[in-house]
PDB file of N, CA and C in Angstrom:
ATOM      1  N   UNK A   1       0.964  -1.084   0.064  1.00  0.00           N
ATOM      2  CA  UNK A   1      -0.202  -0.025  -0.087  1.00  0.00           C
ATOM      3  C   UNK A   1       0.814   1.257  -0.095  1.00  0.00           C
ATOM      4  N   UNK A   2       0.558   2.073  -0.891  1.00  0.00           N
ATOM      5  CA  UNK A   2       1.391   3.384  -0.859  1.00  0.00           C
ATOM      6  C   UNK A   2       0.717   4.471  -0.111  1.00  0.00           C
ATOM      7  N   UNK A   3       1.445   5.417   0.174  1.00  0.00           N
ATOM      8  CA  UNK A   3       0.904   6.595   0.878  1.00  0.00           C
ATOM      9  C   UNK A   3      -0.316   7.085   0.379  1.00  0.00           C
ATOM     10  N   UNK A   4      -0.310   7.168  -1.036  1.00  0.00           N
ATOM     11  CA  UNK A   4      -1.703   7.850  -1.462  1.00  0.00           C
ATOM     12  C   UNK A   4      -2.878   6.925  -1.074  1.00  0.00           C
ATOM     13  N   UNK A   5      -2.549   5.657  -1.194  1.00  0.00           N
ATOM     14  CA  UNK A   5      -3.461   4.607  -0.974  1.00  0.00           C
ATOM     15  C   UNK A   5      -3.985   4.971   0.694  1.00  0.00           C
ATOM     16  N   UNK A   6      -2.892   4.870   1.464  1.00  0.00           N
ATOM     17  CA  UNK A   6      -3.180   5.304   2.941  1.00  0.00           C
ATOM     18  C   UNK A   6      -3.901   6.439   3.106  1.00  0.00           C
ATOM     19  N   UNK A   7      -3.636   7.641   2.475  1.00  0.00           N
ATOM     20  CA  UNK A   7      -4.271   8.896   2.551  1.00  0.00           C
ATOM     21  C   UNK A   7      -5.631   8.879   2.168  1.00  0.00           C
ATOM     22  N   UNK A   8      -5.791   8.175   1.123  1.00  0.00           N
ATOM     23  CA  UNK A   8      -7.281   8.079   0.580  1.00  0.00           C
ATOM     24  C   UNK A   8      -8.044   7.159   1.393  1.00  0.00           C
ATOM     25  N   UNK A   9      -7.691   6.084   1.942  1.00  0.00           N
ATOM     26  CA  UNK A   9      -8.352   5.276   2.908  1.00  0.00           C
ATOM     27  C   UNK A   9      -8.728   6.051   4.160  1.00  0.00           C
ATOM     28  N   UNK A  10      -7.861   6.684   4.689  1.00  0.00           N
ATOM     29  CA  UNK A  10      -8.092   7.709   5.752  1.00  0.00           C
ATOM     30  C   UNK A  10      -8.751   8.634   5.494  1.00  0.00           C
ATOM     31  N   UNK A  11      -8.926   9.290   4.251  1.00  0.00           N
ATOM     32  CA  UNK A  11     -10.078  10.360   3.976  1.00  0.00           C
ATOM     33  C   UNK A  11     -11.439   9.742   3.969  1.00  0.00           C
ATOM     34  N   UNK A  12     -11.496   8.523   3.306  1.00  0.00           N
ATOM     35  CA  UNK A  12     -12.751   7.897   3.218  1.00  0.00           C
ATOM     36  C   UNK A  12     -13.156   7.346   4.533  1.00  0.00           C
ATOM     37  N   UNK A  13     -12.375   6.977   5.380  1.00  0.00           N
ATOM     38  CA  UNK A  13     -12.663   6.540   6.653  1.00  0.00           C
ATOM     39  C   UNK A  13     -13.180   7.828   7.615  1.00  0.00           C
ATOM     40  N   UNK A  14     -12.581   8.856   7.390  1.00  0.00           N
ATOM     41  CA  UNK A  14     -12.886  10.148   7.942  1.00  0.00           C
ATOM     42  C   UNK A  14     -14.334  10.555   7.715  1.00  0.00           C
ATOM     43  N   UNK A  15     -14.560  10.427   6.202  1.00  0.00           N
ATOM     44  CA  UNK A  15     -15.899  10.912   5.665  1.00  0.00           C
ATOM     45  C   UNK A  15     -16.911  10.096   6.019  1.00  0.00           C
ATOM     46  N   UNK A  16     -16.643   8.629   6.230  1.00  0.00           N
ATOM     47  CA  UNK A  16     -17.721   7.885   6.769  1.00  0.00           C
ATOM     48  C   UNK A  16     -17.917   8.058   8.139  1.00  0.00           C
ATOM     49  N   UNK A  17     -16.962   8.344   8.936  1.00  0.00           N
ATOM     50  CA  UNK A  17     -17.178   8.559  10.308  1.00  0.00           C
ATOM     51  C   UNK A  17     -17.944   9.867  10.533  1.00  0.00           C
ATOM     52  N   UNK A  18     -17.833  11.012   9.759  1.00  0.00           N
ATOM     53  CA  UNK A  18     -18.528  12.109   9.969  1.00  0.00           C
ATOM     54  C   UNK A  18     -20.180  11.836   9.518  1.00  0.00           C
ATOM     55  N   UNK A  19     -20.303  10.976   8.295  1.00  0.00           N
ATOM     56  CA  UNK A  19     -21.550  10.844   8.137  1.00  0.00           C
ATOM     57  C   UNK A  19     -22.200   9.933   9.372  1.00  0.00           C
ATOM     58  N   UNK A  20     -21.583   8.869   9.645  1.00  0.00           N
ATOM     59  CA  UNK A  20     -22.107   8.175  10.821  1.00  0.00           C
ATOM     60  C   UNK A  20     -22.352   8.947  12.108  1.00  0.00           C
ATOM     61  N   UNK A  21     -21.543   9.984  12.438  1.00  0.00           N
ATOM     62  CA  UNK A  21     -21.750  10.923  13.397  1.00  0.00           C
ATOM     63  C   UNK A  21     -23.094  11.710  13.235  1.00  0.00           C
ATOM     64  N   UNK A  22     -23.415  12.078  12.032  1.00  0.00           N
ATOM     65  CA  UNK A  22     -24.426  12.721  11.767  1.00  0.00           C
ATOM     66  C   UNK A  22     -25.717  11.709  12.223  1.00  0.00           C
ATOM     67  N   UNK A  23     -25.639  10.655  11.498  1.00  0.00           N
ATOM     68  CA  UNK A  23     -26.603   9.628  11.477  1.00  0.00           C
ATOM     69  C   UNK A  23     -27.020   9.301  12.962  1.00  0.00           C
ATOM     70  N   UNK A  24     -25.823   9.264  13.745  1.00  0.00           N
ATOM     71  CA  UNK A  24     -26.101   8.861  15.149  1.00  0.00           C
ATOM     72  C   UNK A  24     -26.775  10.265  15.935  1.00  0.00           C
ATOM     73  N   UNK A  25     -26.490  11.351  15.497  1.00  0.00           N
ATOM     74  CA  UNK A  25     -27.119  12.413  16.120  1.00  0.00           C
ATOM     75  C   UNK A  25     -28.662  12.420  15.835  1.00  0.00           C
ATOM     76  N   UNK A  26     -28.904  12.276  14.608  1.00  0.00           N
ATOM     77  CA  UNK A  26     -30.333  12.232  14.038  1.00  0.00           C
ATOM     78  C   UNK A  26     -31.037  11.142  14.898  1.00  0.00           C
ATOM     79  N   UNK A  27     -30.552   9.889  15.147  1.00  0.00           N
ATOM     80  CA  UNK A  27     -31.169   8.857  15.775  1.00  0.00           C
ATOM     81  C   UNK A  27     -31.152   9.392  17.200  1.00  0.00           C
ATOM     82  N   UNK A  28     -30.311   9.994  17.806  1.00  0.00           N
ATOM     83  CA  UNK A  28     -30.561  10.428  19.278  1.00  0.00           C
ATOM     84  C   UNK A  28     -31.644  11.312  19.270  1.00  0.00           C
ATOM     85  N   UNK A  29     -31.757  12.438  18.344  1.00  0.00           N
ATOM     86  CA  UNK A  29     -32.898  13.356  18.455  1.00  0.00           C
ATOM     87  C   UNK A  29     -34.261  12.629  18.180  1.00  0.00           C
ATOM     88  N   UNK A  30     -34.191  11.499  17.444  1.00  0.00           N
ATOM     89  CA  UNK A  30     -35.470  10.829  17.231  1.00  0.00           C
ATOM     90  C   UNK A  30     -35.865   9.977  18.384  1.00  0.00           C
ATOM     91  N   UNK A  31     -34.862   9.431  19.125  1.00  0.00           N
ATOM     92  CA  UNK A  31     -35.086   8.784  20.345  1.00  0.00           C
ATOM     93  C   UNK A  31     -35.638   9.674  21.519  1.00  0.00           C
ATOM     94  N   UNK A  32     -35.243  10.908  21.617  1.00  0.00           N
ATOM     95  CA  UNK A  32     -35.652  11.870  22.598  1.00  0.00           C
ATOM     96  C   UNK A  32     -37.286  12.012  22.063  1.00  0.00           C
ATOM     97  N   UNK A  33     -37.538  12.303  20.701  1.00  0.00           N
ATOM     98  CA  UNK A  33     -38.872  12.505  20.397  1.00  0.00           C
ATOM     99  C   UNK A  33     -39.760  11.513  20.632  1.00  0.00           C
ATOM    100  N   UNK A  34     -39.257  10.268  20.446  1.00  0.00           N
ATOM    101  CA  UNK A  34     -40.091   9.009  20.659  1.00  0.00           C
ATOM    102  C   UNK A  34     -40.389   8.782  22.095  1.00  0.00           C
ATOM    103  N   UNK A  35     -39.257   9.137  22.874  1.00  0.00           N
ATOM    104  CA  UNK A  35     -39.663   8.988  24.272  1.00  0.00           C
ATOM    105  C   UNK A  35     -40.694   9.878  24.887  1.00  0.00           C
ATOM    106  N   UNK A  36     -40.720  11.141  24.281  1.00  0.00           N
ATOM    107  CA  UNK A  36     -41.606  12.254  24.669  1.00  0.00           C
ATOM    108  C   UNK A  36     -43.127  11.705  24.200  1.00  0.00           C
ATOM    109  N   UNK A  37     -43.117  11.182  23.153  1.00  0.00           N
ATOM    110  CA  UNK A  37     -44.458  10.501  22.495  1.00  0.00           C
ATOM    111  C   UNK A  37     -44.774   9.462  23.242  1.00  0.00           C
ATOM    112  N   UNK A  38     -43.968   8.693  23.750  1.00  0.00           N
ATOM    113  CA  UNK A  38     -44.560   7.622  24.632  1.00  0.00           C
ATOM    114  C   UNK A  38     -44.961   8.024  26.004  1.00  0.00           C
ATOM    115  N   UNK A  39     -44.327   8.907  26.483  1.00  0.00           N
ATOM    116  CA  UNK A  39     -44.775   9.670  27.703  1.00  0.00           C
ATOM    117  C   UNK A  39     -46.087  10.397  27.616  1.00  0.00           C
ATOM    118  N   UNK A  40     -46.378  11.052  26.519  1.00  0.00           N
ATOM    119  CA  UNK A  40     -47.524  11.684  26.186  1.00  0.00           C
ATOM    120  C   UNK A  40     -48.592  10.813  25.989  1.00  0.00           C
ATOM    121  N   UNK A  41     -48.412   9.615  25.159  1.00  0.00           N
ATOM    122  CA  UNK A  41     -49.362   8.494  24.979  1.00  0.00           C
ATOM    123  C   UNK A  41     -49.770   7.957  26.358  1.00  0.00           C
ATOM    124  N   UNK A  42     -48.800   7.713  27.172  1.00  0.00           N
ATOM    125  CA  UNK A  42     -49.157   7.210  28.657  1.00  0.00           C
ATOM    126  C   UNK A  42     -50.007   7.938  29.391  1.00  0.00           C
ATOM    127  N   UNK A  43     -49.749   9.351  29.345  1.00  0.00           N
ATOM    128  CA  UNK A  43     -50.562  10.422  30.183  1.00  0.00           C
ATOM    129  C   UNK A  43     -52.023  10.310  29.379  1.00  0.00           C
ATOM    130  N   UNK A  44     -52.173  10.272  28.151  1.00  0.00           N
ATOM    131  CA  UNK A  44     -53.496  10.376  27.403  1.00  0.00           C
ATOM    132  C   UNK A  44     -54.055   8.780  27.771  1.00  0.00           C
ATOM    133  N   UNK A  45     -53.434   7.787  27.811  1.00  0.00           N
ATOM    134  CA  UNK A  45     -54.149   6.370  28.290  1.00  0.00           C
ATOM    135  C   UNK A  45     -54.658   6.695  29.865  1.00  0.00           C
ATOM    136  N   UNK A  46     -53.822   7.248  30.687  1.00  0.00           N
ATOM    137  CA  UNK A  46     -54.386   7.486  31.965  1.00  0.00           C
ATOM    138  C   UNK A  46     -55.653   8.373  32.023  1.00  0.00           C
ATOM    139  N   UNK A  47     -55.657   9.289  31.425  1.00  0.00           N
ATOM    140  CA  UNK A  47     -56.737  10.356  31.166  1.00  0.00           C
ATOM    141  C   UNK A  47     -57.834   9.751  30.850  1.00  0.00           C
ATOM    142  N   UNK A  48     -57.701   8.869  29.680  1.00  0.00           N
ATOM    143  CA  UNK A  48     -58.950   8.159  29.108  1.00  0.00           C
ATOM    144  C   UNK A  48     -59.427   7.163  30.075  1.00  0.00           C
ATOM    145  N   UNK A  49     -58.652   6.555  30.818  1.00  0.00           N
ATOM    146  CA  UNK A  49     -59.173   5.667  31.651  1.00  0.00           C
ATOM    147  C   UNK A  49     -59.931   6.297  32.762  1.00  0.00           C
ATOM    148  N   UNK A  50     -59.598   7.589  33.276  1.00  0.00           N
ATOM    149  CA  UNK A  50     -60.199   8.293  34.182  1.00  0.00           C
ATOM    150  C   UNK A  50     -61.519   8.814  33.649  1.00  0.00           C
ATOM    151  N   UNK A  51     -61.458   9.095  32.519  1.00  0.00           N
ATOM    152  CA  UNK A  51     -62.745   9.730  31.781  1.00  0.00           C
ATOM    153  C   UNK A  51     -63.525   8.688  31.539  1.00  0.00           C
ATOM    154  N   UNK A  52     -63.190   7.448  31.132  1.00  0.00           N
ATOM    155  CA  UNK A  52     -64.053   6.364  31.154  1.00  0.00           C
ATOM    156  C   UNK A  52     -64.838   6.201  32.544  1.00  0.00           C
ATOM    157  N   UNK A  53     -64.172   6.153  33.511  1.00  0.00           N
ATOM    158  CA  UNK A  53     -64.676   5.810  34.761  1.00  0.00           C
ATOM    159  C   UNK A  53     -65.953   6.814  35.403  1.00  0.00           C
ATOM    160  N   UNK A  54     -65.289   8.191  35.086  1.00  0.00           N
ATOM    161  CA  UNK A  54     -66.276   9.165  35.207  1.00  0.00           C
ATOM    162  C   UNK A  54     -67.678   9.154  34.257  1.00  0.00           C
ATOM    163  N   UNK A  55     -67.414   8.739  33.120  1.00  0.00           N
ATOM    164  CA  UNK A  55     -68.538   8.623  32.044  1.00  0.00           C
ATOM    165  C   UNK A  55     -69.606   7.375  32.694  1.00  0.00           C
ATOM    166  N   UNK A  56     -68.776   6.353  33.305  1.00  0.00           N
ATOM    167  CA  UNK A  56     -69.583   5.292  33.880  1.00  0.00           C
ATOM    168  C   UNK A  56     -70.402   5.718  34.991  1.00  0.00           C
ATOM    169  N   UNK A  57     -69.852   6.516  35.823  1.00  0.00           N
ATOM    170  CA  UNK A  57     -70.799   6.999  36.908  1.00  0.00           C
ATOM    171  C   UNK A  57     -72.015   7.923  36.517  1.00  0.00           C
ATOM    172  N   UNK A  58     -71.557   8.799  35.528  1.00  0.00           N
ATOM    173  CA  UNK A  58     -72.466   9.756  34.874  1.00  0.00           C
ATOM    174  C   UNK A  58     -73.624   8.852  34.283  1.00  0.00           C
ATOM    175  N   UNK A  59     -73.392   7.880  33.721  1.00  0.00           N
ATOM    176  CA  UNK A  59     -74.352   6.964  32.956  1.00  0.00           C
ATOM    177  C   UNK A  59     -75.250   6.282  33.961  1.00  0.00           C
ATOM    178  N   UNK A  60     -74.456   6.011  35.061  1.00  0.00           N
ATOM    179  CA  UNK A  60     -75.431   5.354  36.051  1.00  0.00           C
ATOM    180  C   UNK A  60     -76.468   6.486  36.754  1.00  0.00           C
ATOM    181  N   UNK A  61     -75.940   7.640  36.843  1.00  0.00           N
ATOM    182  CA  UNK A  61     -76.596   8.792  37.661  1.00  0.00           C
ATOM    183  C   UNK A  61     -77.862   9.090  36.503  1.00  0.00           C
ATOM    184  N   UNK A  62     -77.449   9.048  35.330  1.00  0.00           N
ATOM    185  CA  UNK A  62     -78.556   9.551  34.324  1.00  0.00           C
ATOM    186  C   UNK A  62     -79.690   8.353  34.302  1.00  0.00           C
ATOM    187  N   UNK A  63     -79.188   7.258  34.388  1.00  0.00           N
ATOM    188  CA  UNK A  63     -79.977   6.036  34.320  1.00  0.00           C
ATOM    189  C   UNK A  63     -81.127   6.115  35.496  1.00  0.00           C
ATOM    190  N   UNK A  64     -80.559   6.391  36.662  1.00  0.00           N
ATOM    191  CA  UNK A  64     -81.238   6.546  37.935  1.00  0.00           C
ATOM    192  C   UNK A  64     -82.196   7.764  37.676  1.00  0.00           C
ATOM    193  N   UNK A  65     -81.859   8.751  37.066  1.00  0.00           N
ATOM    194  CA  UNK A  65     -82.799   9.799  36.831  1.00  0.00           C
ATOM    195  C   UNK A  65     -83.822   9.595  35.981  1.00  0.00           C
ATOM    196  N   UNK A  66     -83.410   8.817  34.950  1.00  0.00           N
ATOM    197  CA  UNK A  66     -84.558   8.622  34.034  1.00  0.00           C
ATOM    198  C   UNK A  66     -85.498   7.510  34.583  1.00  0.00           C
ATOM    199  N   UNK A  67     -85.051   6.751  35.561  1.00  0.00           N
ATOM    200  CA  UNK A  67     -86.177   5.809  36.155  1.00  0.00           C
ATOM    201  C   UNK A  67     -86.846   6.564  37.263  1.00  0.00           C
ATOM    202  N   UNK A  68     -86.219   7.505  37.809  1.00  0.00           N
ATOM    203  CA  UNK A  68     -87.061   8.302  38.873  1.00  0.00           C
ATOM    204  C   UNK A  68     -88.475   8.519  38.388  1.00  0.00           C
ATOM    205  N   UNK A  69     -88.547   9.328  37.437  1.00  0.00           N
ATOM    206  CA  UNK A  69     -90.098   9.694  36.990  1.00  0.00           C
ATOM    207  C   UNK A  69     -91.019   8.504  36.943  1.00  0.00           C
ATOM    208  N   UNK A  70     -90.538   7.308  36.442  1.00  0.00           N
ATOM    209  CA  UNK A  70     -91.283   6.352  36.227  1.00  0.00           C
ATOM    210  C   UNK A  70     -91.693   5.452  37.464  1.00  0.00           C
ATOM    211  N   UNK A  71     -90.835   5.694  38.595  1.00  0.00           N
ATOM    212  CA  UNK A  71     -91.056   5.145  39.853  1.00  0.00           C
ATOM    213  C   UNK A  71     -92.319   6.131  40.503  1.00  0.00           C
ATOM    214  N   UNK A  72     -92.061   7.557  40.448  1.00  0.00           N
ATOM    215  CA  UNK A  72     -93.110   8.324  40.990  1.00  0.00           C
ATOM    216  C   UNK A  72     -94.483   8.077  40.070  1.00  0.00           C
ATOM    217  N   UNK A  73     -94.524   7.913  38.921  1.00  0.00           N
ATOM    218  CA  UNK A  73     -95.728   7.688  38.184  1.00  0.00           C
ATOM    219  C   UNK A  73     -96.366   6.199  38.721  1.00  0.00           C
ATOM    220  N   UNK A  74     -95.649   5.340  38.754  1.00  0.00           N
ATOM    221  CA  UNK A  74     -96.117   4.118  39.423  1.00  0.00           C
ATOM    222  C   UNK A  74     -96.493   4.334  40.649  1.00  0.00           C
ATOM    223  N   UNK A  75     -95.790   5.117  41.595  1.00  0.00           N
ATOM    224  CA  UNK A  75     -96.364   5.343  42.933  1.00  0.00           C
ATOM    225  C   UNK A  75     -97.821   6.163  42.891  1.00  0.00           C
ATOM    226  N   UNK A  76     -97.766   7.109  42.059  1.00  0.00           N
ATOM    227  CA  UNK A  76     -99.020   7.717  41.879  1.00  0.00           C
ATOM    228  C   UNK A  76    -100.242   6.867  41.262  1.00  0.00           C
ATOM    229  N   UNK A  77     -99.885   6.134  40.500  1.00  0.00           N
ATOM    230  CA  UNK A  77    -101.105   5.415  39.855  1.00  0.00           C
ATOM    231  C   UNK A  77    -101.445   4.297  41.035  1.00  0.00           C
ATOM    232  N   UNK A  78    -100.557   3.823  41.999  1.00  0.00           N
ATOM    233  CA  UNK A  78    -100.879   3.049  42.961  1.00  0.00           C
ATOM    234  C   UNK A  78    -101.745   3.750  43.959  1.00  0.00           C
ATOM    235  N   UNK A  79    -101.293   5.010  44.200  1.00  0.00           N
ATOM    236  CA  UNK A  79    -102.213   5.789  45.247  1.00  0.00           C
ATOM    237  C   UNK A  79    -103.642   6.161  44.795  1.00  0.00           C
ATOM    238  N   UNK A  80    -103.650   6.360  43.407  1.00  0.00           N
ATOM    239  CA  UNK A  80    -105.030   6.607  42.843  1.00  0.00           C
ATOM    240  C   UNK A  80    -105.849   5.419  42.729  1.00  0.00           C
ATOM    241  N   UNK A  81    -105.154   4.289  42.525  1.00  0.00           N
ATOM    242  CA  UNK A  81    -106.101   3.038  42.462  1.00  0.00           C
ATOM    243  C   UNK A  81    -106.235   2.697  43.878  1.00  0.00           C
ATOM    244  N   UNK A  82    -105.460   2.966  44.887  1.00  0.00           N
ATOM    245  CA  UNK A  82    -105.916   2.747  46.323  1.00  0.00           C
ATOM    246  C   UNK A  82    -107.027   3.668  46.673  1.00  0.00           C
ATOM    247  N   UNK A  83    -107.003   4.849  46.242  1.00  0.00           N
ATOM    248  CA  UNK A  83    -108.019   5.642  46.424  1.00  0.00           C
ATOM    249  C   UNK A  83    -109.393   5.392  45.969  1.00  0.00           C
ATOM    250  N   UNK A  84    -109.341   4.932  44.601  1.00  0.00           N
ATOM    251  CA  UNK A  84    -110.499   4.412  44.020  1.00  0.00           C
ATOM    252  C   UNK A  84    -111.095   3.268  44.610  1.00  0.00           C
ATOM    253  N   UNK A  85    -110.092   2.245  45.078  1.00  0.00           N
ATOM    254  CA  UNK A  85    -110.611   1.040  45.742  1.00  0.00           C
ATOM    255  C   UNK A  85    -111.207   1.390  47.226  1.00  0.00           C
ATOM    256  N   UNK A  86    -110.661   2.492  47.738  1.00  0.00           N
ATOM    257  CA  UNK A  86    -111.166   2.872  49.191  1.00  0.00           C
ATOM    258  C   UNK A  86    -112.620   3.429  48.983  1.00  0.00           C
ATOM    259  N   UNK A  87    -112.675   4.362  47.947  1.00  0.00           N
ATOM    260  CA  UNK A  87    -114.016   4.897  47.754  1.00  0.00           C
ATOM    261  C   UNK A  87    -114.933   4.091  47.315  1.00  0.00           C
ATOM    262  N   UNK A  88    -114.525   3.275  46.590  1.00  0.00           N
ATOM    263  CA  UNK A  88    -115.673   2.123  46.100  1.00  0.00           C
ATOM    264  C   UNK A  88    -116.008   1.355  47.125  1.00  0.00           C
ATOM    265  N   UNK A  89    -114.972   0.791  48.008  1.00  0.00           N
ATOM    266  CA  UNK A  89    -115.502   0.064  49.224  1.00  0.00           C
ATOM    267  C   UNK A  89    -116.323   0.804  50.348  1.00  0.00           C
ATOM    268  N   UNK A  90    -115.843   2.111  50.189  1.00  0.00           N
ATOM    269  CA  UNK A  90    -116.636   2.912  51.116  1.00  0.00           C
ATOM    270  C   UNK A  90    -118.104   3.141  50.645  1.00  0.00           C
ATOM    271  N   UNK A  91    -118.410   3.285  49.390  1.00  0.00           N
ATOM    272  CA  UNK A  91    -119.598   3.393  48.886  1.00  0.00           C
ATOM    273  C   UNK A  91    -120.244   2.239  49.074  1.00  0.00           C
ATOM    274  N   UNK A  92    -119.730   0.885  48.783  1.00  0.00           N
ATOM    275  CA  UNK A  92    -120.385  -0.316  48.876  1.00  0.00           C
ATOM    276  C   UNK A  92    -120.846  -0.333  50.389  1.00  0.00           C
ATOM    277  N   UNK A  93    -119.894  -0.290  51.310  1.00  0.00           N
ATOM    278  CA  UNK A  93    -120.034  -0.567  52.675  1.00  0.00           C
ATOM    279  C   UNK A  93    -121.042   0.355  53.119  1.00  0.00           C
ATOM    280  N   UNK A  94    -121.168   1.708  52.595  1.00  0.00           N
ATOM    281  CA  UNK A  94    -121.968   2.864  53.003  1.00  0.00           C
ATOM    282  C   UNK A  94    -123.357   2.412  52.628  1.00  0.00           C
ATOM    283  N   UNK A  95    -123.607   2.025  51.440  1.00  0.00           N
ATOM    284  CA  UNK A  95    -124.890   1.563  50.817  1.00  0.00           C
ATOM    285  C   UNK A  95    -125.397   0.230  51.677  1.00  0.00           C
ATOM    286  N   UNK A  96    -124.529  -0.752  51.846  1.00  0.00           N
ATOM    287  CA  UNK A  96    -124.972  -1.831  52.571  1.00  0.00           C
ATOM    288  C   UNK A  96    -125.293  -1.816  53.971  1.00  0.00           C
ATOM    289  N   UNK A  97    -124.442  -1.047  54.740  1.00  0.00           N
ATOM    290  CA  UNK A  97    -124.810  -0.712  56.012  1.00  0.00           C
ATOM    291  C   UNK A  97    -125.556   0.426  56.437  1.00  0.00           C
ATOM    292  N   UNK A  98    -125.877   1.472  55.253  1.00  0.00           N
ATOM    293  CA  UNK A  98    -126.306   2.672  55.666  1.00  0.00           C
ATOM    294  C   UNK A  98    -127.788   2.831  55.505  1.00  0.00           C
TER     295      UNK A  98
END
């Protein structure tokens, strides 16, 4: 190997080293960004889980609120029927004993 060949090989090696350094720097920057994205994704997943739990609680409350008027209506119908039965029984006994 001649001096020119050695100089050429060193120059190529130096150029390849610079290129690899740039590529490594780019990879490091991408790794930092990737870590930030993973952290943000973990935070979003935690928030979504929390939001899902809150929505389940709200859904349960809404279901109870929707059922509440039906319970009141059923109770009211029961009271009206009881009153009608009482009035009918009163009228029947009143005419029978009266």
